Amino acid sequence: AALDDLDLRWALELAGWLVRLETDD
């Protein structure tokens, strides 16, 4: 929703959480 609204700073933070929930190899 933030991305669709071009609320990019907030979208960046939220999407970043999802990628950083786990560690890579």
PDB file of all heavy atoms in Angstrom:
ATOM      1  N   ALA A   1       0.837  -1.205   0.000  1.00  0.00           N
ATOM      2  CA  ALA A   1       0.000   0.000   0.000  1.00  0.00           C
ATOM      3  C   ALA A   1       0.867   1.249   0.000  1.00  0.00           C
ATOM      4  O   ALA A   1       0.574   2.222  -0.714  1.00  0.00           O
ATOM      5  CB  ALA A   1      -0.918  -0.008   1.227  1.00  0.00           C
ATOM      6  N   ALA A   2       1.939   1.234   0.781  1.00  0.00           N
ATOM      7  CA  ALA A   2       2.849   2.383   0.809  1.00  0.00           C
ATOM      8  C   ALA A   2       3.521   2.566  -0.547  1.00  0.00           C
ATOM      9  O   ALA A   2       3.686   3.697  -1.020  1.00  0.00           O
ATOM     10  CB  ALA A   2       3.898   2.188   1.905  1.00  0.00           C
ATOM     11  N   LEU A   3       3.883   1.456  -1.192  1.00  0.00           N
ATOM     12  CA  LEU A   3       4.492   1.546  -2.522  1.00  0.00           C
ATOM     13  C   LEU A   3       3.500   2.118  -3.526  1.00  0.00           C
ATOM     14  O   LEU A   3       3.849   2.996  -4.332  1.00  0.00           O
ATOM     15  CB  LEU A   3       4.965   0.164  -2.953  1.00  0.00           C
ATOM     16  CG  LEU A   3       5.556   0.043  -4.364  1.00  0.00           C
ATOM     17  CD1 LEU A   3       6.740   0.974  -4.554  1.00  0.00           C
ATOM     18  CD2 LEU A   3       5.967  -1.419  -4.642  1.00  0.00           C
ATOM     19  N   ASP A   4       2.260   1.657  -3.483  1.00  0.00           N
ATOM     20  CA  ASP A   4       1.232   2.172  -4.402  1.00  0.00           C
ATOM     21  C   ASP A   4       0.994   3.669  -4.200  1.00  0.00           C
ATOM     22  O   ASP A   4       0.713   4.398  -5.161  1.00  0.00           O
ATOM     23  CB  ASP A   4      -0.086   1.417  -4.198  1.00  0.00           C
ATOM     24  CG  ASP A   4      -0.004  -0.028  -4.678  1.00  0.00           C
ATOM     25  OD1 ASP A   4       0.924  -0.338  -5.446  1.00  0.00           O
ATOM     26  OD2 ASP A   4      -0.858  -0.834  -4.257  1.00  0.00           O
ATOM     27  N   ASP A   5       1.122   4.121  -2.945  1.00  0.00           N
ATOM     28  CA  ASP A   5       0.923   5.540  -2.629  1.00  0.00           C
ATOM     29  C   ASP A   5       2.191   6.361  -2.827  1.00  0.00           C
ATOM     30  O   ASP A   5       2.191   7.574  -2.564  1.00  0.00           O
ATOM     31  CB  ASP A   5       0.453   5.700  -1.176  1.00  0.00           C
ATOM     32  CG  ASP A   5      -0.947   5.156  -0.953  1.00  0.00           C
ATOM     33  OD1 ASP A   5      -1.690   5.012  -1.951  1.00  0.00           O
ATOM     34  OD2 ASP A   5      -1.287   4.859   0.210  1.00  0.00           O
ATOM     35  N   LEU A   6       3.260   5.697  -3.302  1.00  0.00           N
ATOM     36  CA  LEU A   6       4.578   6.326  -3.455  1.00  0.00           C
ATOM     37  C   LEU A   6       5.084   6.905  -2.133  1.00  0.00           C
ATOM     38  O   LEU A   6       5.831   7.894  -2.117  1.00  0.00           O
ATOM     39  CB  LEU A   6       4.546   7.411  -4.540  1.00  0.00           C
ATOM     40  CG  LEU A   6       4.219   6.901  -5.951  1.00  0.00           C
ATOM     41  CD1 LEU A   6       4.260   8.047  -6.949  1.00  0.00           C
ATOM     42  CD2 LEU A   6       5.179   5.785  -6.372  1.00  0.00           C
ATOM     43  N   ASP A   7       4.695   6.276  -1.038  1.00  0.00           N
ATOM     44  CA  ASP A   7       5.237   6.595   0.289  1.00  0.00           C
ATOM     45  C   ASP A   7       6.503   5.748   0.437  1.00  0.00           C
ATOM     46  O   ASP A   7       6.558   4.780   1.203  1.00  0.00           O
ATOM     47  CB  ASP A   7       4.198   6.256   1.361  1.00  0.00           C
ATOM     48  CG  ASP A   7       4.629   6.680   2.758  1.00  0.00           C
ATOM     49  OD1 ASP A   7       5.715   7.283   2.892  1.00  0.00           O
ATOM     50  OD2 ASP A   7       3.879   6.384   3.714  1.00  0.00           O
ATOM     51  N   LEU A   8       7.532   6.144  -0.325  1.00  0.00           N
ATOM     52  CA  LEU A   8       8.652   5.236  -0.570  1.00  0.00           C
ATOM     53  C   LEU A   8       9.553   5.030   0.638  1.00  0.00           C
ATOM     54  O   LEU A   8      10.119   3.952   0.810  1.00  0.00           O
ATOM     55  CB  LEU A   8       9.469   5.740  -1.763  1.00  0.00           C
ATOM     56  CG  LEU A   8       8.691   5.786  -3.086  1.00  0.00           C
ATOM     57  CD1 LEU A   8       9.569   6.290  -4.216  1.00  0.00           C
ATOM     58  CD2 LEU A   8       8.117   4.416  -3.427  1.00  0.00           C
ATOM     59  N   ARG A   9       9.705   6.025   1.470  1.00  0.00           N
ATOM     60  CA  ARG A   9      10.539   5.832   2.665  1.00  0.00           C
ATOM     61  C   ARG A   9       9.922   4.763   3.583  1.00  0.00           C
ATOM     62  O   ARG A   9      10.633   3.916   4.131  1.00  0.00           O
ATOM     63  CB  ARG A   9      10.724   7.149   3.414  1.00  0.00           C
ATOM     64  CG  ARG A   9      11.586   8.161   2.668  1.00  0.00           C
ATOM     65  CD  ARG A   9      11.696   9.470   3.429  1.00  0.00           C
ATOM     66  NE  ARG A   9      12.403  10.481   2.666  1.00  0.00           N
ATOM     67  CZ  ARG A   9      13.692  10.779   2.799  1.00  0.00           C
ATOM     68  NH1 ARG A   9      14.431  10.129   3.675  1.00  0.00           N
ATOM     69  NH2 ARG A   9      14.252  11.721   2.068  1.00  0.00           N
ATOM     70  N   TRP A  10       8.616   4.828   3.762  1.00  0.00           N
ATOM     71  CA  TRP A  10       7.942   3.862   4.622  1.00  0.00           C
ATOM     72  C   TRP A  10       7.894   2.491   3.958  1.00  0.00           C
ATOM     73  O   TRP A  10       8.112   1.464   4.599  1.00  0.00           O
ATOM     74  CB  TRP A  10       6.538   4.355   4.949  1.00  0.00           C
ATOM     75  CG  TRP A  10       5.785   3.548   5.953  1.00  0.00           C
ATOM     76  CD1 TRP A  10       4.489   3.133   5.852  1.00  0.00           C
ATOM     77  CD2 TRP A  10       6.229   3.099   7.242  1.00  0.00           C
ATOM     78  NE1 TRP A  10       4.108   2.450   6.989  1.00  0.00           N
ATOM     79  CE2 TRP A  10       5.163   2.407   7.859  1.00  0.00           C
ATOM     80  CE3 TRP A  10       7.440   3.207   7.930  1.00  0.00           C
ATOM     81  CZ2 TRP A  10       5.265   1.824   9.127  1.00  0.00           C
ATOM     82  CZ3 TRP A  10       7.548   2.628   9.195  1.00  0.00           C
ATOM     83  CH2 TRP A  10       6.471   1.947   9.780  1.00  0.00           C
ATOM     84  N   ALA A  11       7.643   2.465   2.659  1.00  0.00           N
ATOM     85  CA  ALA A  11       7.643   1.192   1.936  1.00  0.00           C
ATOM     86  C   ALA A  11       9.002   0.521   2.017  1.00  0.00           C
ATOM     87  O   ALA A  11       9.103  -0.709   2.174  1.00  0.00           O
ATOM     88  CB  ALA A  11       7.251   1.419   0.469  1.00  0.00           C
ATOM     89  N   LEU A  12      10.064   1.314   1.928  1.00  0.00           N
ATOM     90  CA  LEU A  12      11.418   0.776   1.985  1.00  0.00           C
ATOM     91  C   LEU A  12      11.687   0.127   3.345  1.00  0.00           C
ATOM     92  O   LEU A  12      12.260  -0.962   3.421  1.00  0.00           O
ATOM     93  CB  LEU A  12      12.433   1.894   1.725  1.00  0.00           C
ATOM     94  CG  LEU A  12      13.905   1.507   1.646  1.00  0.00           C
ATOM     95  CD1 LEU A  12      14.152   0.552   0.493  1.00  0.00           C
ATOM     96  CD2 LEU A  12      14.762   2.751   1.487  1.00  0.00           C
ATOM     97  N   GLU A  13      11.253   0.787   4.408  1.00  0.00           N
ATOM     98  CA  GLU A  13      11.480   0.214   5.737  1.00  0.00           C
ATOM     99  C   GLU A  13      10.681  -1.057   5.943  1.00  0.00           C
ATOM    100  O   GLU A  13      11.207  -2.073   6.405  1.00  0.00           O
ATOM    101  CB  GLU A  13      11.151   1.231   6.830  1.00  0.00           C
ATOM    102  CG  GLU A  13      11.406   0.693   8.232  1.00  0.00           C
ATOM    103  CD  GLU A  13      11.447   1.740   9.306  1.00  0.00           C
ATOM    104  OE1 GLU A  13      11.385   2.947   8.981  1.00  0.00           O
ATOM    105  OE2 GLU A  13      11.547   1.361  10.491  1.00  0.00           O
ATOM    106  N   LEU A  14       9.406  -1.028   5.591  1.00  0.00           N
ATOM    107  CA  LEU A  14       8.566  -2.204   5.788  1.00  0.00           C
ATOM    108  C   LEU A  14       9.071  -3.397   4.975  1.00  0.00           C
ATOM    109  O   LEU A  14       9.169  -4.514   5.486  1.00  0.00           O
ATOM    110  CB  LEU A  14       7.122  -1.886   5.395  1.00  0.00           C
ATOM    111  CG  LEU A  14       6.368  -0.897   6.288  1.00  0.00           C
ATOM    112  CD1 LEU A  14       5.022  -0.557   5.672  1.00  0.00           C
ATOM    113  CD2 LEU A  14       6.181  -1.460   7.685  1.00  0.00           C
ATOM    114  N   ALA A  15       9.369  -3.182   3.706  1.00  0.00           N
ATOM    115  CA  ALA A  15       9.851  -4.275   2.858  1.00  0.00           C
ATOM    116  C   ALA A  15      11.201  -4.783   3.342  1.00  0.00           C
ATOM    117  O   ALA A  15      11.506  -5.984   3.237  1.00  0.00           O
ATOM    118  CB  ALA A  15       9.949  -3.799   1.404  1.00  0.00           C
ATOM    119  N   GLY A  16      12.026  -3.882   3.888  1.00  0.00           N
ATOM    120  CA  GLY A  16      13.318  -4.288   4.427  1.00  0.00           C
ATOM    121  C   GLY A  16      13.189  -5.232   5.606  1.00  0.00           C
ATOM    122  O   GLY A  16      13.987  -6.165   5.767  1.00  0.00           O
ATOM    123  N   TRP A  17      12.176  -5.027   6.456  1.00  0.00           N
ATOM    124  CA  TRP A  17      11.965  -5.940   7.585  1.00  0.00           C
ATOM    125  C   TRP A  17      11.764  -7.368   7.096  1.00  0.00           C
ATOM    126  O   TRP A  17      12.309  -8.315   7.661  1.00  0.00           O
ATOM    127  CB  TRP A  17      10.728  -5.527   8.382  1.00  0.00           C
ATOM    128  CG  TRP A  17      10.802  -4.210   9.065  1.00  0.00           C
ATOM    129  CD1 TRP A  17      11.897  -3.399   9.220  1.00  0.00           C
ATOM    130  CD2 TRP A  17       9.703  -3.525   9.685  1.00  0.00           C
ATOM    131  NE1 TRP A  17      11.553  -2.258   9.895  1.00  0.00           N
ATOM    132  CE2 TRP A  17      10.212  -2.310  10.203  1.00  0.00           C
ATOM    133  CE3 TRP A  17       8.360  -3.828   9.856  1.00  0.00           C
ATOM    134  CZ2 TRP A  17       9.402  -1.392  10.870  1.00  0.00           C
ATOM    135  CZ3 TRP A  17       7.553  -2.926  10.527  1.00  0.00           C
ATOM    136  CH2 TRP A  17       8.077  -1.715  11.022  1.00  0.00           C
ATOM    137  N   LEU A  18      10.961  -7.520   6.056  1.00  0.00           N
ATOM    138  CA  LEU A  18      10.624  -8.855   5.564  1.00  0.00           C
ATOM    139  C   LEU A  18      11.860  -9.591   5.051  1.00  0.00           C
ATOM    140  O   LEU A  18      11.992 -10.803   5.249  1.00  0.00           O
ATOM    141  CB  LEU A  18       9.577  -8.749   4.454  1.00  0.00           C
ATOM    142  CG  LEU A  18       8.222  -8.183   4.887  1.00  0.00           C
ATOM    143  CD1 LEU A  18       7.364  -7.865   3.672  1.00  0.00           C
ATOM    144  CD2 LEU A  18       7.508  -9.150   5.822  1.00  0.00           C
ATOM    145  N   VAL A  19      12.767  -8.875   4.414  1.00  0.00           N
ATOM    146  CA  VAL A  19      13.979  -9.495   3.879  1.00  0.00           C
ATOM    147  C   VAL A  19      14.967  -9.812   4.996  1.00  0.00           C
ATOM    148  O   VAL A  19      15.760 -10.752   4.889  1.00  0.00           O
ATOM    149  CB  VAL A  19      14.612  -8.575   2.812  1.00  0.00           C
ATOM    150  CG1 VAL A  19      16.010  -9.034   2.432  1.00  0.00           C
ATOM    151  CG2 VAL A  19      13.719  -8.535   1.576  1.00  0.00           C
ATOM    152  N   ARG A  20      14.903  -9.060   6.089  1.00  0.00           N
ATOM    153  CA  ARG A  20      15.867  -9.246   7.173  1.00  0.00           C
ATOM    154  C   ARG A  20      15.341 -10.076   8.334  1.00  0.00           C
ATOM    155  O   ARG A  20      15.903 -10.077   9.421  1.00  0.00           O
ATOM    156  CB  ARG A  20      16.344  -7.879   7.660  1.00  0.00           C
ATOM    157  CG  ARG A  20      17.277  -7.244   6.655  1.00  0.00           C
ATOM    158  CD  ARG A  20      17.648  -5.814   6.950  1.00  0.00           C
ATOM    159  NE  ARG A  20      18.663  -5.351   6.033  1.00  0.00           N
ATOM    160  CZ  ARG A  20      18.440  -5.014   4.754  1.00  0.00           C
ATOM    161  NH1 ARG A  20      17.209  -5.069   4.285  1.00  0.00           N
ATOM    162  NH2 ARG A  20      19.417  -4.635   3.971  1.00  0.00           N
ATOM    163  N   LEU A  21      14.273 -10.812   8.099  1.00  0.00           N
ATOM    164  CA  LEU A  21      13.742 -11.713   9.128  1.00  0.00           C
ATOM    165  C   LEU A  21      14.643 -12.924   9.354  1.00  0.00           C
ATOM    166  O   LEU A  21      14.590 -13.551  10.412  1.00  0.00           O
ATOM    167  CB  LEU A  21      12.355 -12.219   8.717  1.00  0.00           C
ATOM    168  CG  LEU A  21      11.176 -11.268   8.931  1.00  0.00           C
ATOM    169  CD1 LEU A  21       9.927 -11.827   8.274  1.00  0.00           C
ATOM    170  CD2 LEU A  21      10.937 -11.056  10.411  1.00  0.00           C
ATOM    171  N   GLU A  22      15.442 -13.285   8.349  1.00  0.00           N
ATOM    172  CA  GLU A  22      16.319 -14.449   8.432  1.00  0.00           C
ATOM    173  C   GLU A  22      17.695 -14.078   7.883  1.00  0.00           C
ATOM    174  O   GLU A  22      17.849 -13.081   7.167  1.00  0.00           O
ATOM    175  CB  GLU A  22      15.752 -15.625   7.610  1.00  0.00           C
ATOM    176  CG  GLU A  22      14.325 -16.028   7.966  1.00  0.00           C
ATOM    177  CD  GLU A  22      14.219 -16.676   9.329  1.00  0.00           C
ATOM    178  OE1 GLU A  22      15.259 -17.117   9.853  1.00  0.00           O
ATOM    179  OE2 GLU A  22      13.096 -16.747   9.863  1.00  0.00           O
ATOM    180  N   THR A  23      18.696 -14.896   8.238  1.00  0.00           N
ATOM    181  CA  THR A  23      20.041 -14.680   7.711  1.00  0.00           C
ATOM    182  C   THR A  23      20.268 -15.584   6.499  1.00  0.00           C
ATOM    183  O   THR A  23      19.644 -16.643   6.362  1.00  0.00           O
ATOM    184  CB  THR A  23      21.116 -14.986   8.767  1.00  0.00           C
ATOM    185  OG1 THR A  23      20.958 -16.331   9.233  1.00  0.00           O
ATOM    186  CG2 THR A  23      20.999 -14.028   9.949  1.00  0.00           C
ATOM    187  N   ASP A  24      21.179 -15.151   5.630  1.00  0.00           N
ATOM    188  CA  ASP A  24      21.540 -15.982   4.480  1.00  0.00           C
ATOM    189  C   ASP A  24      22.658 -16.948   4.889  1.00  0.00           C
ATOM    190  O   ASP A  24      23.019 -17.041   6.065  1.00  0.00           O
ATOM    191  CB  ASP A  24      21.933 -15.114   3.284  1.00  0.00           C
ATOM    192  CG  ASP A  24      23.179 -14.278   3.540  1.00  0.00           C
ATOM    193  OD1 ASP A  24      23.888 -14.511   4.549  1.00  0.00           O
ATOM    194  OD2 ASP A  24      23.461 -13.369   2.732  1.00  0.00           O
ATOM    195  N   ASP A  25      23.222 -17.656   3.909  1.00  0.00           N
ATOM    196  CA  ASP A  25      24.218 -18.683   4.233  1.00  0.00           C
ATOM    197  C   ASP A  25      25.555 -18.106   4.683  1.00  0.00           C
ATOM    198  O   ASP A  25      26.448 -18.855   5.091  1.00  0.00           O
ATOM    199  CB  ASP A  25      24.427 -19.629   3.044  1.00  0.00           C
ATOM    200  CG  ASP A  25      24.839 -18.908   1.765  1.00  0.00           C
ATOM    201  OD1 ASP A  25      25.047 -17.677   1.809  1.00  0.00           O
ATOM    202  OD2 ASP A  25      24.957 -19.569   0.717  1.00  0.00           O
TER     203      ASP A  25
END
